């Protein structure tokens, strides 16, 4: 896997070509795939790597791309806004994603 990418879209395209095809969404206890109609709890997945991207025109447009593999071998990506506040996720999921806004 690359150490860095020039943009979020370049990263997504490359990682999808490497087999990380599923589009994950964050839910309270873990992640979900709407296309597969499945959810995985924090203990059922591993974050392989993550990449941070800063918006070019607005410093508030910061995103983080998580490369995720579930324990049943589903591979995909989760895009989140790492400067967002107010979304509730479980402490287990916060720990799994190692979300720290101070980095």
N, C-alpha and C. Protein backbone atom coordinates (compact mmCIF):
# COMPACT_ATOMS: atom_id res chain seq x y z
N UNK A 1 0.82 -1.18 0.00
CA UNK A 1 0.00 0.00 0.00
C UNK A 1 0.87 1.24 0.00
N UNK A 2 0.37 2.29 -0.64
CA UNK A 2 1.08 3.57 -0.71
C UNK A 2 1.21 4.18 0.68
N UNK A 3 2.25 4.97 0.87
CA UNK A 3 2.39 5.72 2.12
C UNK A 3 1.51 6.95 2.12
N UNK A 4 1.29 7.54 0.94
CA UNK A 4 0.43 8.71 0.86
C UNK A 4 -0.14 8.81 -0.55
N UNK A 5 -1.18 9.61 -0.69
CA UNK A 5 -1.82 9.85 -1.99
C UNK A 5 -1.99 11.35 -2.15
N UNK A 6 -2.07 11.79 -3.40
CA UNK A 6 -2.22 13.22 -3.67
C UNK A 6 -3.61 13.74 -3.37
N UNK A 7 -4.62 12.86 -3.42
CA UNK A 7 -5.99 13.29 -3.13
C UNK A 7 -6.82 12.10 -2.66
N UNK A 8 -7.95 12.41 -2.06
CA UNK A 8 -8.86 11.37 -1.60
C UNK A 8 -9.35 10.52 -2.76
N UNK A 9 -9.71 11.15 -3.87
CA UNK A 9 -10.24 10.38 -5.01
C UNK A 9 -9.19 9.44 -5.61
N UNK A 10 -7.94 9.87 -5.65
CA UNK A 10 -6.85 9.02 -6.15
C UNK A 10 -6.67 7.82 -5.21
N UNK A 11 -6.73 8.07 -3.91
CA UNK A 11 -6.58 6.99 -2.93
C UNK A 11 -7.70 5.97 -3.06
N UNK A 12 -8.94 6.46 -3.15
CA UNK A 12 -10.08 5.55 -3.26
C UNK A 12 -9.97 4.69 -4.51
N UNK A 13 -9.65 5.30 -5.64
CA UNK A 13 -9.54 4.55 -6.88
C UNK A 13 -8.45 3.47 -6.79
N UNK A 14 -7.29 3.83 -6.27
CA UNK A 14 -6.20 2.87 -6.16
C UNK A 14 -6.54 1.72 -5.21
N UNK A 15 -7.11 2.06 -4.06
CA UNK A 15 -7.43 1.04 -3.08
C UNK A 15 -8.57 0.13 -3.56
N UNK A 16 -9.53 0.67 -4.29
CA UNK A 16 -10.57 -0.17 -4.88
C UNK A 16 -9.97 -1.15 -5.88
N UNK A 17 -8.99 -0.68 -6.65
CA UNK A 17 -8.30 -1.56 -7.59
C UNK A 17 -7.50 -2.65 -6.88
N UNK A 18 -7.15 -2.41 -5.61
CA UNK A 18 -6.43 -3.40 -4.81
C UNK A 18 -7.37 -4.31 -4.02
N UNK A 19 -8.68 -4.20 -4.28
CA UNK A 19 -9.62 -5.12 -3.68
C UNK A 19 -10.46 -4.57 -2.54
N UNK A 20 -10.24 -3.31 -2.16
CA UNK A 20 -11.02 -2.69 -1.07
C UNK A 20 -12.24 -2.02 -1.68
N UNK A 21 -13.20 -2.83 -2.09
CA UNK A 21 -14.31 -2.36 -2.91
C UNK A 21 -15.54 -1.94 -2.13
N UNK A 22 -15.72 -2.45 -0.93
CA UNK A 22 -16.95 -2.17 -0.18
C UNK A 22 -16.94 -0.74 0.37
N UNK A 23 -18.10 -0.09 0.33
CA UNK A 23 -18.27 1.26 0.86
C UNK A 23 -18.88 1.14 2.26
N UNK A 24 -18.06 1.36 3.28
CA UNK A 24 -18.52 1.25 4.65
C UNK A 24 -19.01 2.59 5.17
N UNK A 25 -19.98 2.53 6.08
CA UNK A 25 -20.48 3.70 6.79
C UNK A 25 -20.31 3.45 8.27
N UNK A 26 -20.05 4.51 9.00
CA UNK A 26 -19.91 4.42 10.44
C UNK A 26 -21.28 4.35 11.10
N UNK A 27 -21.46 3.38 12.00
CA UNK A 27 -22.66 3.27 12.83
C UNK A 27 -22.22 3.21 14.28
N UNK A 28 -23.15 3.31 15.19
CA UNK A 28 -22.81 3.44 16.60
C UNK A 28 -21.86 2.36 17.11
N UNK A 29 -22.12 1.11 16.80
CA UNK A 29 -21.31 0.01 17.33
C UNK A 29 -20.21 -0.46 16.40
N UNK A 30 -20.12 0.10 15.19
CA UNK A 30 -19.11 -0.37 14.25
C UNK A 30 -19.29 0.25 12.88
N UNK A 31 -19.39 -0.63 11.86
CA UNK A 31 -19.57 -0.16 10.49
C UNK A 31 -20.69 -0.96 9.83
N UNK A 32 -21.18 -0.40 8.71
CA UNK A 32 -22.19 -1.11 7.93
C UNK A 32 -21.86 -1.00 6.45
N UNK A 33 -22.39 -1.96 5.71
CA UNK A 33 -22.37 -1.92 4.25
C UNK A 33 -23.82 -1.94 3.81
N UNK A 34 -24.27 -0.87 3.20
CA UNK A 34 -25.66 -0.82 2.74
C UNK A 34 -25.88 -1.77 1.58
N UNK A 35 -24.89 -1.92 0.70
CA UNK A 35 -25.06 -2.80 -0.45
C UNK A 35 -25.16 -4.27 -0.03
N UNK A 36 -24.42 -4.65 1.01
CA UNK A 36 -24.48 -6.03 1.51
C UNK A 36 -25.53 -6.21 2.60
N UNK A 37 -26.10 -5.08 3.06
CA UNK A 37 -27.09 -5.10 4.15
C UNK A 37 -26.55 -5.84 5.37
N UNK A 38 -25.32 -5.44 5.76
CA UNK A 38 -24.62 -6.06 6.89
C UNK A 38 -24.01 -5.02 7.78
N UNK A 39 -23.84 -5.40 9.04
CA UNK A 39 -23.12 -4.57 10.01
C UNK A 39 -22.05 -5.43 10.68
N UNK A 40 -20.96 -4.77 11.07
CA UNK A 40 -19.89 -5.42 11.82
C UNK A 40 -19.62 -4.57 13.05
N UNK A 41 -19.49 -5.22 14.19
CA UNK A 41 -19.13 -4.51 15.42
C UNK A 41 -17.63 -4.26 15.42
N UNK A 42 -17.20 -3.37 16.29
CA UNK A 42 -15.79 -2.97 16.35
C UNK A 42 -14.86 -4.18 16.48
N UNK A 43 -15.27 -5.19 17.23
CA UNK A 43 -14.43 -6.36 17.43
C UNK A 43 -14.36 -7.30 16.24
N UNK A 44 -15.13 -7.01 15.20
CA UNK A 44 -15.18 -7.87 14.02
C UNK A 44 -14.46 -7.27 12.82
N UNK A 45 -13.62 -6.27 13.07
CA UNK A 45 -12.93 -5.62 11.96
C UNK A 45 -11.55 -5.15 12.39
N UNK A 46 -10.72 -4.93 11.39
CA UNK A 46 -9.39 -4.38 11.62
C UNK A 46 -9.18 -3.20 10.69
N UNK A 47 -8.62 -2.13 11.22
CA UNK A 47 -8.21 -0.99 10.40
C UNK A 47 -6.79 -1.27 9.96
N UNK A 48 -6.62 -1.46 8.67
CA UNK A 48 -5.31 -1.82 8.11
C UNK A 48 -4.41 -0.58 8.02
N UNK A 49 -5.01 0.53 7.63
CA UNK A 49 -4.26 1.77 7.45
C UNK A 49 -5.26 2.91 7.35
N UNK A 50 -4.79 4.13 7.57
CA UNK A 50 -5.65 5.28 7.31
C UNK A 50 -4.85 6.41 6.70
N UNK A 51 -5.55 7.26 5.97
CA UNK A 51 -4.94 8.40 5.29
C UNK A 51 -5.75 9.65 5.61
N UNK A 52 -5.07 10.75 5.87
CA UNK A 52 -5.74 12.02 6.14
C UNK A 52 -5.56 12.96 4.95
N UNK A 53 -6.63 13.70 4.68
CA UNK A 53 -6.61 14.67 3.58
C UNK A 53 -7.18 15.98 4.07
N UNK A 54 -6.54 17.08 3.68
CA UNK A 54 -7.02 18.41 4.05
C UNK A 54 -7.58 19.09 2.82
N UNK A 55 -8.72 19.78 3.01
CA UNK A 55 -9.33 20.51 1.92
C UNK A 55 -8.43 21.64 1.45
N UNK A 56 -8.40 21.88 0.15
CA UNK A 56 -7.52 22.90 -0.40
C UNK A 56 -8.02 24.31 -0.10
N UNK A 57 -9.35 24.51 -0.09
CA UNK A 57 -9.87 25.87 0.08
C UNK A 57 -10.41 26.11 1.48
N UNK A 58 -10.80 25.06 2.17
CA UNK A 58 -11.40 25.23 3.49
C UNK A 58 -10.74 24.27 4.47
N UNK A 59 -10.03 24.78 5.47
CA UNK A 59 -9.38 23.89 6.44
C UNK A 59 -10.37 22.98 7.17
N UNK A 60 -11.66 23.35 7.15
CA UNK A 60 -12.68 22.51 7.77
C UNK A 60 -13.02 21.27 6.96
N UNK A 61 -12.59 21.24 5.70
CA UNK A 61 -12.86 20.09 4.84
C UNK A 61 -11.78 19.03 5.00
N UNK A 62 -11.64 18.52 6.19
CA UNK A 62 -10.64 17.49 6.46
C UNK A 62 -11.32 16.14 6.47
N UNK A 63 -10.75 15.17 5.77
CA UNK A 63 -11.31 13.83 5.78
C UNK A 63 -10.24 12.81 6.08
N UNK A 64 -10.73 11.67 6.52
CA UNK A 64 -9.85 10.55 6.80
C UNK A 64 -10.42 9.33 6.10
N UNK A 65 -9.55 8.60 5.46
CA UNK A 65 -9.93 7.39 4.72
C UNK A 65 -9.37 6.19 5.47
N UNK A 66 -10.27 5.33 5.94
CA UNK A 66 -9.86 4.11 6.64
C UNK A 66 -9.90 2.94 5.68
N UNK A 67 -8.84 2.15 5.67
CA UNK A 67 -8.77 0.91 4.90
C UNK A 67 -9.11 -0.21 5.89
N UNK A 68 -10.22 -0.91 5.64
CA UNK A 68 -10.76 -1.85 6.63
C UNK A 68 -10.92 -3.24 6.05
N UNK A 69 -10.60 -4.23 6.88
CA UNK A 69 -10.89 -5.63 6.57
C UNK A 69 -11.67 -6.20 7.74
N UNK A 70 -12.80 -6.84 7.42
CA UNK A 70 -13.60 -7.47 8.47
C UNK A 70 -13.08 -8.89 8.68
N UNK A 71 -13.47 -9.48 9.79
CA UNK A 71 -12.99 -10.83 10.10
C UNK A 71 -13.57 -11.89 9.19
N UNK A 72 -14.60 -11.55 8.41
CA UNK A 72 -15.11 -12.50 7.40
C UNK A 72 -14.56 -12.15 6.01
N UNK A 73 -13.44 -11.41 5.99
CA UNK A 73 -12.68 -11.09 4.77
C UNK A 73 -13.37 -10.13 3.81
N UNK A 74 -14.27 -9.31 4.30
CA UNK A 74 -14.84 -8.24 3.49
C UNK A 74 -13.89 -7.06 3.56
N UNK A 75 -13.49 -6.54 2.40
CA UNK A 75 -12.53 -5.44 2.34
C UNK A 75 -13.22 -4.20 1.81
N UNK A 76 -12.95 -3.07 2.46
CA UNK A 76 -13.57 -1.84 1.98
C UNK A 76 -12.97 -0.60 2.60
N UNK A 77 -13.65 0.51 2.34
CA UNK A 77 -13.16 1.82 2.74
C UNK A 77 -14.24 2.57 3.51
N UNK A 78 -13.80 3.37 4.45
CA UNK A 78 -14.67 4.24 5.23
C UNK A 78 -14.10 5.64 5.16
N UNK A 79 -14.89 6.58 4.68
CA UNK A 79 -14.48 7.98 4.63
C UNK A 79 -15.23 8.72 5.72
N UNK A 80 -14.50 9.49 6.53
CA UNK A 80 -15.13 10.23 7.61
C UNK A 80 -14.49 11.61 7.68
N UNK A 81 -15.22 12.55 8.27
CA UNK A 81 -14.72 13.90 8.48
C UNK A 81 -14.09 13.92 9.86
N UNK A 82 -12.77 14.02 9.96
CA UNK A 82 -12.14 13.91 11.27
C UNK A 82 -12.19 15.18 12.09
N UNK A 83 -12.77 16.22 11.55
CA UNK A 83 -12.95 17.41 12.39
C UNK A 83 -14.39 17.52 12.87
N UNK A 84 -15.22 16.54 12.53
CA UNK A 84 -16.63 16.58 12.93
C UNK A 84 -16.78 16.31 14.41
N UNK A 85 -17.79 16.91 14.98
CA UNK A 85 -18.10 16.68 16.37
C UNK A 85 -19.58 16.37 16.47
N UNK A 86 -19.97 15.63 17.50
CA UNK A 86 -21.38 15.39 17.73
C UNK A 86 -21.87 14.02 17.33
N UNK A 87 -21.17 13.32 16.46
CA UNK A 87 -21.59 11.98 16.09
C UNK A 87 -21.23 11.03 17.22
N UNK A 88 -22.19 10.20 17.62
CA UNK A 88 -21.89 9.25 18.68
C UNK A 88 -21.51 7.91 18.09
N UNK A 89 -20.35 7.43 18.50
CA UNK A 89 -19.97 6.05 18.22
C UNK A 89 -19.46 5.46 19.52
N UNK A 90 -19.52 4.15 19.61
CA UNK A 90 -19.16 3.48 20.85
C UNK A 90 -17.68 3.69 21.18
N UNK A 91 -17.33 3.63 22.47
CA UNK A 91 -15.91 3.74 22.85
C UNK A 91 -15.05 2.67 22.18
N UNK A 92 -15.63 1.48 21.97
CA UNK A 92 -14.88 0.40 21.31
C UNK A 92 -14.53 0.78 19.88
N UNK A 93 -15.48 1.44 19.20
CA UNK A 93 -15.23 1.83 17.82
C UNK A 93 -14.24 2.98 17.76
N UNK A 94 -14.32 3.92 18.69
CA UNK A 94 -13.34 5.00 18.74
C UNK A 94 -11.94 4.42 18.91
N UNK A 95 -11.81 3.47 19.81
CA UNK A 95 -10.50 2.83 20.04
C UNK A 95 -10.03 2.09 18.80
N UNK A 96 -10.95 1.38 18.14
CA UNK A 96 -10.60 0.62 16.94
C UNK A 96 -10.09 1.54 15.84
N UNK A 97 -10.76 2.68 15.67
CA UNK A 97 -10.37 3.60 14.62
C UNK A 97 -9.21 4.51 15.03
N UNK A 98 -8.88 4.48 16.33
CA UNK A 98 -7.79 5.32 16.85
C UNK A 98 -7.99 6.77 16.45
N UNK A 99 -9.22 7.24 16.62
CA UNK A 99 -9.56 8.60 16.24
C UNK A 99 -8.97 9.57 17.25
N UNK A 100 -8.02 10.36 16.80
CA UNK A 100 -7.48 11.42 17.64
C UNK A 100 -7.42 12.67 16.79
N UNK A 101 -8.03 13.72 17.25
CA UNK A 101 -8.08 14.95 16.47
C UNK A 101 -6.85 15.81 16.71
N UNK A 102 -5.99 15.40 17.62
CA UNK A 102 -4.81 16.20 17.92
C UNK A 102 -3.62 15.87 17.04
N UNK A 103 -3.67 14.77 16.32
CA UNK A 103 -2.50 14.37 15.51
C UNK A 103 -2.19 15.37 14.42
